[in-house]
C-alpha atoms as a PDB file:
ATOM      1  CA  MET A   1     103.160 131.222 123.318  1.00  0.00           C
ATOM      2  CA  ILE A   2     101.402 132.596 120.362  1.00  0.00           C
ATOM      3  CA  GLN A   3      97.765 131.967 120.070  1.00  0.00           C
ATOM      4  CA  ASP A   4      96.921 128.933 117.521  1.00  0.00           C
ATOM      5  CA  VAL A   5     100.557 128.009 117.155  1.00  0.00           C
ATOM      6  CA  GLN A   6     100.951 124.480 118.374  1.00  0.00           C
ATOM      7  CA  VAL A   7     104.164 122.616 119.113  1.00  0.00           C
ATOM      8  CA  ILE A   8     103.261 118.949 119.147  1.00  0.00           C
ATOM      9  CA  PRO A   9     105.633 116.303 120.647  1.00  0.00           C
ATOM     10  CA  LEU A  10     105.566 113.257 118.416  1.00  0.00           C
ATOM     11  CA  THR A  11     106.427 109.742 119.274  1.00  0.00           C
ATOM     12  CA  ALA A  12     108.838 107.397 117.574  1.00  0.00           C
ATOM     13  CA  HIS A  13     107.342 103.934 117.377  1.00  0.00           C
ATOM     14  CA  MET A  14     110.382 101.647 117.455  1.00  0.00           C
ATOM     15  CA  ASP A  15     110.737  97.826 116.792  1.00  0.00           C
ATOM     16  CA  ASP A  16     113.761  95.871 115.677  1.00  0.00           C
ATOM     17  CA  ARG A  17     113.193  97.154 111.888  1.00  0.00           C
ATOM     18  CA  GLY A  18     113.817 100.781 112.938  1.00  0.00           C
ATOM     19  CA  TYR A  19     111.135 103.407 113.714  1.00  0.00           C
ATOM     20  CA  LEU A  20     107.952 105.180 112.445  1.00  0.00           C
ATOM     21  CA  VAL A  21     106.765 108.884 113.383  1.00  0.00           C
ATOM     22  CA  GLU A  22     103.194 109.807 112.585  1.00  0.00           C
ATOM     23  CA  ILE A  23     103.645 113.449 111.578  1.00  0.00           C
ATOM     24  CA  VAL A  24     100.148 114.855 110.513  1.00  0.00           C
ATOM     25  CA  ARG A  25      96.654 113.585 110.450  1.00  0.00           C
ATOM     26  CA  GLN A  26      93.366 114.805 109.088  1.00  0.00           C
ATOM     27  CA  ALA A  27      91.256 116.727 111.485  1.00  0.00           C
ATOM     28  CA  GLY A  28      88.813 114.314 113.240  1.00  0.00           C
ATOM     29  CA  GLY A  29      91.371 111.695 113.871  1.00  0.00           C
ATOM     30  CA  GLU A  30      91.818 110.112 117.429  1.00  0.00           C
ATOM     31  CA  GLU A  31      95.276 111.338 117.962  1.00  0.00           C
ATOM     32  CA  PRO A  32      95.833 114.804 119.768  1.00  0.00           C
ATOM     33  CA  HIS A  33      97.770 116.199 116.728  1.00  0.00           C
ATOM     34  CA  ALA A  34      94.982 115.743 114.506  1.00  0.00           C
ATOM     35  CA  VAL A  35      95.217 119.322 113.258  1.00  0.00           C
ATOM     36  CA  VAL A  36      95.137 119.220 109.377  1.00  0.00           C
ATOM     37  CA  HIS A  37      91.739 120.811 108.248  1.00  0.00           C
ATOM     38  CA  ARG A  38      92.725 121.284 104.604  1.00  0.00           C
ATOM     39  CA  PHE A  39      95.442 119.778 102.415  1.00  0.00           C
ATOM     40  CA  GLY A  40      97.290 121.605  99.682  1.00  0.00           C
ATOM     41  CA  GLN A  41     100.709 119.962  99.312  1.00  0.00           C
ATOM     42  CA  VAL A  42     103.833 118.362 100.904  1.00  0.00           C
ATOM     43  CA  TYR A  43     107.316 119.421 100.258  1.00  0.00           C
ATOM     44  CA  LEU A  44     110.792 118.609 101.606  1.00  0.00           C
ATOM     45  CA  VAL A  45     113.464 121.432 102.183  1.00  0.00           C
ATOM     46  CA  GLY A  46     117.082 120.452 102.890  1.00  0.00           C
ATOM     47  CA  ASP A  47     119.899 122.664 104.005  1.00  0.00           C
ATOM     48  CA  MET A  48     123.315 121.367 103.156  1.00  0.00           C
ATOM     49  CA  VAL A  49     125.204 123.146 105.809  1.00  0.00           C
ATOM     50  CA  ARG A  50     124.337 124.313 109.258  1.00  0.00           C
ATOM     51  CA  GLY A  51     123.620 128.165 109.688  1.00  0.00           C
ATOM     52  CA  ILE A  52     121.430 128.543 106.703  1.00  0.00           C
ATOM     53  CA  ILE A  53     118.443 130.855 107.551  1.00  0.00           C
ATOM     54  CA  ARG A  54     115.064 130.777 105.635  1.00  0.00           C
ATOM     55  CA  ALA A  55     113.057 133.714 106.987  1.00  0.00           C
ATOM     56  CA  PHE A  56     110.775 135.507 107.262  1.00  0.00           C
ATOM     57  CA  HIS A  57     107.251 135.391 105.751  1.00  0.00           C
ATOM     58  CA  LYS A  58     103.806 134.860 106.639  1.00  0.00           C
ATOM     59  CA  HIS A  59     100.619 133.866 104.756  1.00  0.00           C
ATOM     60  CA  HIS A  60      97.134 135.389 104.606  1.00  0.00           C
ATOM     61  CA  GLU A  61      95.219 131.860 104.265  1.00  0.00           C
ATOM     62  CA  LEU A  62      97.612 129.049 104.323  1.00  0.00           C
ATOM     63  CA  TRP A  63      98.460 127.030 107.358  1.00  0.00           C
ATOM     64  CA  ASP A  64     101.907 125.308 107.623  1.00  0.00           C
ATOM     65  CA  TRP A  65     102.790 122.119 109.531  1.00  0.00           C
ATOM     66  CA  PHE A  66     106.614 121.612 110.044  1.00  0.00           C
ATOM     67  CA  PHE A  67     108.532 118.489 110.853  1.00  0.00           C
ATOM     68  CA  ILE A  68     112.289 118.273 110.997  1.00  0.00           C
ATOM     69  CA  SER A  69     113.063 114.677 109.641  1.00  0.00           C
ATOM     70  CA  HIS A  70     116.838 114.944 109.695  1.00  0.00           C
ATOM     71  CA  GLY A  71     119.248 117.162 111.736  1.00  0.00           C
ATOM     72  CA  SER A  72     117.881 119.986 113.840  1.00  0.00           C
ATOM     73  CA  ALA A  73     116.542 123.638 113.426  1.00  0.00           C
ATOM     74  CA  LYS A  74     115.719 126.671 115.473  1.00  0.00           C
ATOM     75  CA  PHE A  75     112.311 128.194 114.339  1.00  0.00           C
ATOM     76  CA  VAL A  76     111.246 131.779 115.144  1.00  0.00           C
ATOM     77  CA  LEU A  77     107.736 133.057 114.912  1.00  0.00           C
ATOM     78  CA  ARG A  78     106.069 136.411 115.455  1.00  0.00           C
ATOM     79  CA  ASP A  79     102.339 136.996 115.659  1.00  0.00           C
ATOM     80  CA  ASP A  80     101.422 139.801 113.257  1.00  0.00           C
ATOM     81  CA  ARG A  81      97.724 139.383 113.556  1.00  0.00           C
ATOM     82  CA  ALA A  82      96.226 142.675 114.859  1.00  0.00           C
ATOM     83  CA  ASP A  83      93.206 140.806 116.248  1.00  0.00           C
ATOM     84  CA  SER A  84      95.141 138.197 118.183  1.00  0.00           C
ATOM     85  CA  PRO A  85      95.671 138.583 122.066  1.00  0.00           C
ATOM     86  CA  THR A  86      99.266 137.580 121.281  1.00  0.00           C
ATOM     87  CA  TYR A  87      99.933 140.194 118.614  1.00  0.00           C
ATOM     88  CA  GLY A  88     103.533 141.033 118.708  1.00  0.00           C
ATOM     89  CA  GLU A  89     104.545 138.053 120.655  1.00  0.00           C
ATOM     90  CA  MET A  90     107.613 136.008 119.671  1.00  0.00           C
ATOM     91  CA  MET A  91     108.331 132.279 120.150  1.00  0.00           C
ATOM     92  CA  THR A  92     111.593 130.271 119.520  1.00  0.00           C
ATOM     93  CA  ILE A  93     111.423 126.541 119.062  1.00  0.00           C
ATOM     94  CA  ILE A  94     114.089 124.095 118.684  1.00  0.00           C
ATOM     95  CA  ALA A  95     113.158 120.821 116.813  1.00  0.00           C
ATOM     96  CA  GLY A  96     114.926 117.713 115.320  1.00  0.00           C
ATOM     97  CA  GLU A  97     115.092 114.146 114.811  1.00  0.00           C
ATOM     98  CA  ARG A  98     116.058 113.654 118.460  1.00  0.00           C
ATOM     99  CA  ASN A  99     113.250 115.792 119.561  1.00  0.00           C
ATOM    100  CA  PRO A 100     110.423 115.147 117.022  1.00  0.00           C
ATOM    101  CA  ARG A 101     107.602 117.514 117.152  1.00  0.00           C
ATOM    102  CA  LEU A 102     105.151 119.001 114.682  1.00  0.00           C
ATOM    103  CA  ILE A 103     105.091 122.770 114.633  1.00  0.00           C
ATOM    104  CA  VAL A 104     101.716 124.361 113.608  1.00  0.00           C
ATOM    105  CA  VAL A 105     101.738 127.872 112.067  1.00  0.00           C
ATOM    106  CA  PRO A 106      98.461 129.601 111.298  1.00  0.00           C
ATOM    107  CA  PRO A 107      97.898 132.360 108.870  1.00  0.00           C
ATOM    108  CA  GLY A 108      99.242 135.866 110.007  1.00  0.00           C
ATOM    109  CA  VAL A 109     102.285 134.525 111.884  1.00  0.00           C
ATOM    110  CA  TYR A 110     105.546 135.338 110.597  1.00  0.00           C
ATOM    111  CA  HIS A 111     107.943 132.364 110.661  1.00  0.00           C
ATOM    112  CA  GLY A 112     111.369 131.262 109.662  1.00  0.00           C
ATOM    113  CA  TRP A 113     114.013 128.580 110.548  1.00  0.00           C
ATOM    114  CA  MET A 114     117.718 128.127 110.658  1.00  0.00           C
ATOM    115  CA  SER A 115     119.382 124.790 110.311  1.00  0.00           C
ATOM    116  CA  LEU A 116     121.491 123.809 113.370  1.00  0.00           C
ATOM    117  CA  GLU A 117     123.431 120.882 111.796  1.00  0.00           C
ATOM    118  CA  ASP A 118     124.675 120.056 108.417  1.00  0.00           C
ATOM    119  CA  ASP A 119     122.166 118.201 106.126  1.00  0.00           C
ATOM    120  CA  THR A 120     119.030 119.320 107.992  1.00  0.00           C
ATOM    121  CA  GLN A 121     115.775 118.356 106.269  1.00  0.00           C
ATOM    122  CA  MET A 122     112.369 119.653 106.872  1.00  0.00           C
ATOM    123  CA  ILE A 123     109.030 118.040 105.657  1.00  0.00           C
ATOM    124  CA  SER A 124     106.421 120.859 105.240  1.00  0.00           C
ATOM    125  CA  THR A 125     102.696 120.323 104.641  1.00  0.00           C
ATOM    126  CA  ALA A 126     100.624 123.137 103.570  1.00  0.00           C
ATOM    127  CA  SER A 127      96.875 123.805 103.622  1.00  0.00           C
ATOM    128  CA  HIS A 128      97.070 125.137 100.069  1.00  0.00           C
ATOM    129  CA  SER A 129      99.033 124.581  97.116  1.00  0.00           C
ATOM    130  CA  TYR A 130     101.732 127.004  96.275  1.00  0.00           C
ATOM    131  CA  ASN A 131     100.554 129.560  93.656  1.00  0.00           C
ATOM    132  CA  ARG A 132     103.714 130.641  91.922  1.00  0.00           C
ATOM    133  CA  ALA A 133     101.949 133.202  89.876  1.00  0.00           C
ATOM    134  CA  ASN A 134     100.174 134.848  93.052  1.00  0.00           C
ATOM    135  CA  PRO A 135     101.847 133.563  96.079  1.00  0.00           C
ATOM    136  CA  ASP A 136     100.156 133.936  99.403  1.00  0.00           C
ATOM    137  CA  GLU A 137     103.095 135.290 101.326  1.00  0.00           C
ATOM    138  CA  VAL A 138     104.430 138.535 102.743  1.00  0.00           C
ATOM    139  CA  ARG A 139     108.377 138.612 102.905  1.00  0.00           C
ATOM    140  CA  ILE A 140     110.460 140.466 105.235  1.00  0.00           C
ATOM    141  CA  PRO A 141     114.335 140.289 105.813  1.00  0.00           C
ATOM    142  CA  PRO A 142     115.760 137.646 108.344  1.00  0.00           C
ATOM    143  CA  ASP A 143     117.066 140.428 110.773  1.00  0.00           C
ATOM    144  CA  ALA A 144     113.351 142.071 110.683  1.00  0.00           C
ATOM    145  CA  PHE A 145     113.084 141.321 114.389  1.00  0.00           C
ATOM    146  CA  GLY A 146     116.748 141.702 115.612  1.00  0.00           C
ATOM    147  CA  ASP A 147     119.303 139.239 116.353  1.00  0.00           C
ATOM    148  CA  VAL A 148     117.021 136.288 116.814  1.00  0.00           C
ATOM    149  CA  TRP A 149     119.449 133.715 114.957  1.00  0.00           C
ATOM    150  CA  THR A 150     122.523 133.771 117.192  1.00  0.00           C
ATOM    151  CA  VAL A 151     122.838 130.251 119.020  1.00  0.00           C
ATOM    152  CA  LYS A 152     123.159 131.191 122.834  1.00  0.00           C
ATOM    153  CA  GLY A 153     125.938 129.559 124.602  1.00  0.00           C
ATOM    154  CA  LYS A 154     128.184 129.469 121.667  1.00  0.00           C
END
C-alpha cells in the first residue's frame, strides 16, 4: 500500500428497478468513503477498446477520485513523494463494474490506467478544475516503471 492512497469498496444498492452506487461524498459525511475535501470538477473518460493505456502523470496539489462505471481497468500507482514513508512503492489495483471501488490518489503519486475490456468508462472527480494554460501535472512515459501493463496469466 502507498500512504494516503485509498481503495474503498463500494456497495451497489439494488431493487427491482436496477442499482445505485454512491461514489463520492463530501468530507464530514457518515460513510467511510467521505474523502472529498475540495471539489474542482467531474469528467468521464471512455476507452473504446481494451488495452488502451493512459499513463503516467502526477499532480502537485490536485487529488483524484477514480471510479470505473463500465468495463474494467488496471490502475498502477507509484509514490514519488520524497517525504513519504512509502516513497518508491508501487500498487496495482483492478477495478470494474463487477468490483465497484473508489480509488483515491493524493498529490505526488504517479498514476495511470489501462482498459481491460472494450468500452471501459471511468468517472473521475478532481479536487481542482483542470487549468489548460498551466496544468498541475508532471507527465512521464507509460513504460517509465518497466513492464507493468502486461496482463498476467494471458
